[in-house]
Amino acid sequence: MAHNPHDFTYEEGTAPHVIVVDDDARLRRLLQRYLSENGLRVSVAANAAEARKALGGIQPDAMVLDVTMPGEDGLELTRALREARQEFPVILLTARGEPEDRISGLEAGADDYLGKPFEPRELLLRLKAHLRRLAPAPAADNLRIIRLGDKEFDPVRALLSGPEGNIHLTGGEAALLSVLARRPNDVFTRDEIARALDMAEIGERAVDVQVTRLRRRIEPDPREPRFLHTIRGRGYVLKPGVQ
């Protein structure tokens, strides 16, 4: 079913705020105009330094970030954001379209990857998809709290918490845990997960990267998983418990 960007509407003052970071002035102007026309609030920055300055004054809902900028590049800025616990979705833009480049972006902490040239409409749809994952979900009777040792995951709110409070998840990590929590103790193939996370075009290694990142959040020892298990030759399974 085709998506229509104009299907997305927000009440006045509630539109998500996106920062577009790219050293191409023409592309910045184009994206600022297009995304604004489609209901988003947009700030722009020409490089990582300008992006950091903008982050000092606003808390964005998402960032669109060019990889190959002069100075601090997009991968370095993404890593720094994640180390600083800035967990809003990051979509990387780059002329490098090889799967290995996309894997590097995911390993740095990005949630998505779009190769140049691209249609602005595709970027809009990806942004909306990530923003939807962060929005409160309607209550559902078949979704229950998942216990993971001393942590709990609420699939309705996509919220992981522990003894010391909420645990920050990136959009990609929250989306993966939400998928697995739909059917705890059932094996998901890598292909199933990739399609659920809109990563089918990147391949199964992208799923492995997200699993590795998620294990760092939920496992006492990520090298010996208690909850998120690899089933050799099949895929992954989430096994809740209090052990």
Protein backbone atom coordinates (compact mmCIF):
# COMPACT_ATOMS: atom_id res chain seq x y z
CA MET A 1 0.00 0.00 0.00
CA ALA A 2 1.44 3.34 -1.03
CA HIS A 3 2.14 5.95 1.61
CA ASN A 4 1.09 9.56 1.23
CA PRO A 5 3.30 12.03 3.11
CA HIS A 6 0.29 14.27 3.66
CA ASP A 7 -1.38 11.53 5.74
CA PHE A 8 0.78 12.70 8.67
CA THR A 9 -0.68 15.62 10.61
CA TYR A 10 0.19 17.19 13.94
CA GLU A 11 -1.61 19.60 16.19
CA GLU A 12 -0.14 23.10 16.26
CA GLY A 13 2.99 23.23 18.38
CA THR A 14 3.41 19.44 18.53
CA ALA A 15 5.20 18.79 15.23
CA PRO A 16 8.45 16.84 15.65
CA HIS A 17 11.63 18.88 15.40
CA VAL A 18 14.29 17.57 13.00
CA ILE A 19 17.87 18.82 12.57
CA VAL A 20 19.32 18.44 9.06
CA VAL A 21 23.13 18.47 9.04
CA ASP A 22 24.81 18.62 5.61
CA ASP A 23 27.57 20.72 4.10
CA ASP A 24 25.64 20.99 0.80
CA ALA A 25 23.76 24.29 1.09
CA ARG A 26 21.42 23.47 -1.80
CA LEU A 27 20.40 20.16 -0.24
CA ARG A 28 19.91 21.80 3.17
CA ARG A 29 17.53 24.35 1.66
CA LEU A 30 15.65 21.70 -0.30
CA LEU A 31 15.15 19.43 2.70
CA GLN A 32 14.26 22.28 5.02
CA ARG A 33 11.54 23.44 2.62
CA TYR A 34 10.22 19.96 1.80
CA LEU A 35 10.10 18.63 5.37
CA SER A 36 8.56 21.87 6.65
CA GLU A 37 5.87 21.72 3.96
CA ASN A 38 5.07 18.22 5.18
CA GLY A 39 4.45 19.14 8.79
CA LEU A 40 7.85 18.97 10.51
CA ARG A 41 9.79 21.68 12.29
CA VAL A 42 13.28 21.86 10.78
CA SER A 43 16.60 23.35 11.86
CA VAL A 44 19.68 23.14 9.64
CA ALA A 45 23.43 22.98 10.24
CA ALA A 46 26.33 22.99 7.78
CA ASN A 47 28.68 20.84 9.87
CA ALA A 48 29.08 19.00 13.15
CA ALA A 49 30.13 22.14 15.03
CA GLU A 50 26.93 23.94 14.03
CA ALA A 51 24.91 20.85 14.93
CA ARG A 52 26.45 20.77 18.41
CA LYS A 53 25.61 24.46 18.85
CA ALA A 54 22.00 23.79 17.82
CA LEU A 55 21.78 20.91 20.30
CA GLY A 56 22.69 23.34 23.04
CA GLY A 57 19.40 25.11 22.51
CA ILE A 58 16.94 22.44 21.39
CA GLN A 59 16.21 18.77 21.98
CA PRO A 60 15.34 17.39 18.54
CA ASP A 61 13.09 14.44 17.83
CA ALA A 62 15.37 13.21 15.02
CA MET A 63 18.50 14.12 13.07
CA VAL A 64 19.33 13.74 9.38
CA LEU A 65 23.12 13.66 9.15
CA ASP A 66 25.52 13.64 6.22
CA VAL A 67 28.41 11.19 6.63
CA THR A 68 31.11 12.81 4.50
CA MET A 69 31.36 16.33 5.94
CA PRO A 70 34.67 18.16 6.37
CA GLY A 71 36.09 18.04 9.87
CA GLU A 72 34.13 15.87 12.28
CA ASP A 73 32.19 13.55 9.99
CA GLY A 74 28.75 12.05 10.46
CA LEU A 75 29.96 8.76 11.91
CA GLU A 76 32.09 10.54 14.51
CA LEU A 77 29.23 12.82 15.49
CA THR A 78 26.83 9.87 15.76
CA ARG A 79 29.21 8.02 18.09
CA ALA A 80 29.60 11.15 20.22
CA LEU A 81 25.83 11.61 20.43
CA ARG A 82 25.31 8.05 21.60
CA GLU A 83 28.13 8.32 24.15
CA ALA A 84 26.39 11.44 25.47
CA ARG A 85 23.10 9.47 25.69
CA GLN A 86 21.42 11.46 22.96
CA GLU A 87 19.06 8.74 21.78
CA PHE A 88 16.86 10.43 19.16
CA PRO A 89 16.75 8.65 15.76
CA VAL A 90 19.67 9.43 13.44
CA ILE A 91 19.35 8.88 9.69
CA LEU A 92 22.67 9.01 7.86
CA LEU A 93 22.99 10.38 4.32
CA THR A 94 25.89 9.40 2.10
CA ALA A 95 27.02 8.87 -1.46
CA ARG A 96 28.63 5.63 -0.27
CA GLY A 97 26.06 2.98 -0.99
CA GLU A 98 27.94 -0.20 -0.17
CA PRO A 99 26.53 -2.54 2.52
CA GLU A 100 29.77 -2.29 4.51
CA ASP A 101 29.35 1.49 4.73
CA ARG A 102 25.81 1.05 5.99
CA ILE A 103 26.97 -1.47 8.59
CA SER A 104 29.55 1.06 9.80
CA GLY A 105 26.77 3.58 10.27
CA LEU A 106 24.68 1.18 12.31
CA GLU A 107 27.69 0.22 14.41
CA ALA A 108 28.25 3.91 15.15
CA GLY A 109 24.72 4.09 16.56
CA ALA A 110 22.65 5.31 13.60
CA ASP A 111 19.09 4.08 13.16
CA ASP A 112 18.87 4.25 9.38
CA TYR A 113 20.89 4.92 6.25
CA LEU A 114 19.89 6.60 2.98
CA GLY A 115 22.17 6.64 -0.04
CA LYS A 116 22.54 9.74 -2.20
CA PRO A 117 20.91 10.64 -4.50
CA PHE A 118 17.51 10.03 -2.91
CA GLU A 119 13.95 11.28 -3.18
CA PRO A 120 13.00 13.68 -0.37
CA ARG A 121 9.73 11.76 -0.07
CA GLU A 122 11.64 8.60 0.88
CA LEU A 123 13.49 10.49 3.61
CA LEU A 124 10.18 11.87 4.89
CA LEU A 125 8.63 8.40 5.06
CA ARG A 126 11.64 7.00 6.93
CA LEU A 127 11.58 9.89 9.38
CA LYS A 128 7.88 9.35 10.02
CA ALA A 129 8.43 5.62 10.55
CA HIS A 130 11.08 6.26 13.21
CA LEU A 131 9.01 8.97 14.87
CA ARG A 132 5.99 6.65 15.01
CA ARG A 133 8.07 4.07 16.88
CA LEU A 134 8.81 6.67 19.55
CA ALA A 135 5.19 7.79 19.89
CA PRO A 136 3.03 6.30 22.68
CA ALA A 137 1.25 3.23 21.36
CA PRO A 138 -2.41 2.48 22.07
CA ALA A 139 -3.02 0.02 24.87
CA ALA A 140 -3.29 -3.61 23.78
CA ASP A 141 -4.42 -6.52 25.91
CA ASN A 142 -1.92 -8.95 24.41
CA LEU A 143 1.13 -6.81 25.20
CA ARG A 144 2.47 -7.32 28.68
CA ILE A 145 5.51 -6.19 30.63
CA ILE A 146 8.57 -8.28 29.79
CA ARG A 147 10.92 -9.11 32.68
CA LEU A 148 14.62 -9.30 31.82
CA GLY A 149 16.37 -10.00 35.11
CA ASP A 150 16.27 -6.78 37.13
CA LYS A 151 14.98 -4.86 34.11
CA GLU A 152 11.50 -4.50 32.65
CA PHE A 153 10.41 -3.68 29.10
CA ASP A 154 7.03 -2.10 28.42
CA PRO A 155 6.15 -2.90 24.76
CA VAL A 156 3.31 -0.37 24.71
CA ARG A 157 5.61 2.55 25.55
CA ALA A 158 8.80 0.94 24.15
CA LEU A 159 10.39 1.75 27.52
CA LEU A 160 13.17 -0.22 29.23
CA SER A 161 13.68 0.40 32.94
CA GLY A 162 15.86 -0.96 35.71
CA PRO A 163 16.54 -0.43 39.42
CA GLU A 164 18.10 2.97 38.72
CA GLY A 165 15.36 4.23 36.40
CA ASN A 166 14.80 4.34 32.66
CA ILE A 167 17.48 2.93 30.37
CA HIS A 168 18.14 4.85 27.17
CA LEU A 169 17.47 2.96 23.95
CA THR A 170 18.07 4.24 20.45
CA GLY A 171 15.14 4.06 18.05
CA GLY A 172 16.64 0.99 16.41
CA GLU A 173 17.22 -0.79 19.71
CA ALA A 174 13.69 -0.04 20.92
CA ALA A 175 12.23 -1.21 17.61
CA LEU A 176 14.17 -4.50 17.76
CA LEU A 177 13.18 -5.20 21.36
CA SER A 178 9.55 -4.38 20.54
CA VAL A 179 9.58 -6.86 17.65
CA LEU A 180 11.05 -9.66 19.77
CA ALA A 181 8.72 -8.87 22.69
CA ARG A 182 5.66 -9.48 20.51
CA ARG A 183 6.37 -13.21 20.63
CA PRO A 184 8.66 -14.01 23.55
CA ASN A 185 10.21 -17.51 23.39
CA ASP A 186 9.55 -17.70 19.63
CA VAL A 187 12.43 -17.75 17.17
CA PHE A 188 12.58 -14.87 14.68
CA THR A 189 14.64 -15.39 11.55
CA ARG A 190 17.08 -12.65 10.59
CA ASP A 191 14.98 -12.03 7.49
CA GLU A 192 11.82 -11.53 9.59
CA ILE A 193 13.62 -9.04 11.81
CA ALA A 194 15.19 -7.21 8.86
CA ARG A 195 11.80 -6.76 7.22
CA ALA A 196 10.19 -5.62 10.49
CA LEU A 197 12.96 -3.04 10.97
CA ASP A 198 13.00 -1.91 7.30
CA MET A 199 16.55 -3.24 6.94
CA ALA A 200 15.93 -5.88 4.29
CA GLU A 201 17.97 -4.03 1.67
CA ILE A 202 21.00 -3.81 3.97
CA GLY A 203 21.02 -7.50 4.83
CA GLU A 204 21.29 -9.83 7.79
CA ARG A 205 24.51 -8.35 9.14
CA ALA A 206 22.60 -5.18 9.97
CA VAL A 207 20.34 -7.28 12.21
CA ASP A 208 23.38 -8.80 13.93
CA VAL A 209 24.72 -5.30 14.63
CA GLN A 210 21.43 -4.22 16.23
CA VAL A 211 21.31 -7.41 18.31
CA THR A 212 24.85 -6.76 19.57
CA ARG A 213 23.90 -3.22 20.56
CA LEU A 214 20.70 -4.34 22.29
CA ARG A 215 22.52 -7.00 24.29
CA ARG A 216 24.71 -4.28 25.79
CA ARG A 217 21.53 -2.73 27.20
CA ILE A 218 19.70 -5.79 28.55
CA GLU A 219 22.30 -8.43 29.38
CA PRO A 220 24.43 -8.58 32.55
CA ASP A 221 27.19 -10.05 30.35
CA PRO A 222 26.59 -9.49 26.61
CA ARG A 223 29.16 -12.18 25.79
CA GLU A 224 27.02 -14.81 27.55
CA PRO A 225 23.41 -13.79 26.85
CA ARG A 226 20.70 -14.87 29.27
CA PHE A 227 17.74 -13.31 27.50
CA LEU A 228 18.48 -12.60 23.83
CA HIS A 229 19.74 -15.90 22.42
CA THR A 230 21.19 -16.81 19.05
CA ILE A 231 19.66 -19.98 17.60
CA ARG A 232 22.31 -21.21 15.22
CA GLY A 233 21.09 -21.51 11.65
CA ARG A 234 17.67 -20.05 12.52
CA GLY A 235 17.79 -16.60 14.10
CA TYR A 236 17.15 -14.99 17.50
CA VAL A 237 14.78 -15.53 20.40
CA LEU A 238 13.95 -13.37 23.42
CA LYS A 239 13.52 -15.47 26.58
CA PRO A 240 12.24 -13.31 29.45
CA GLY A 241 12.99 -14.30 33.03
CA VAL A 242 14.17 -13.12 36.42
CA GLN A 243 17.41 -15.08 36.55
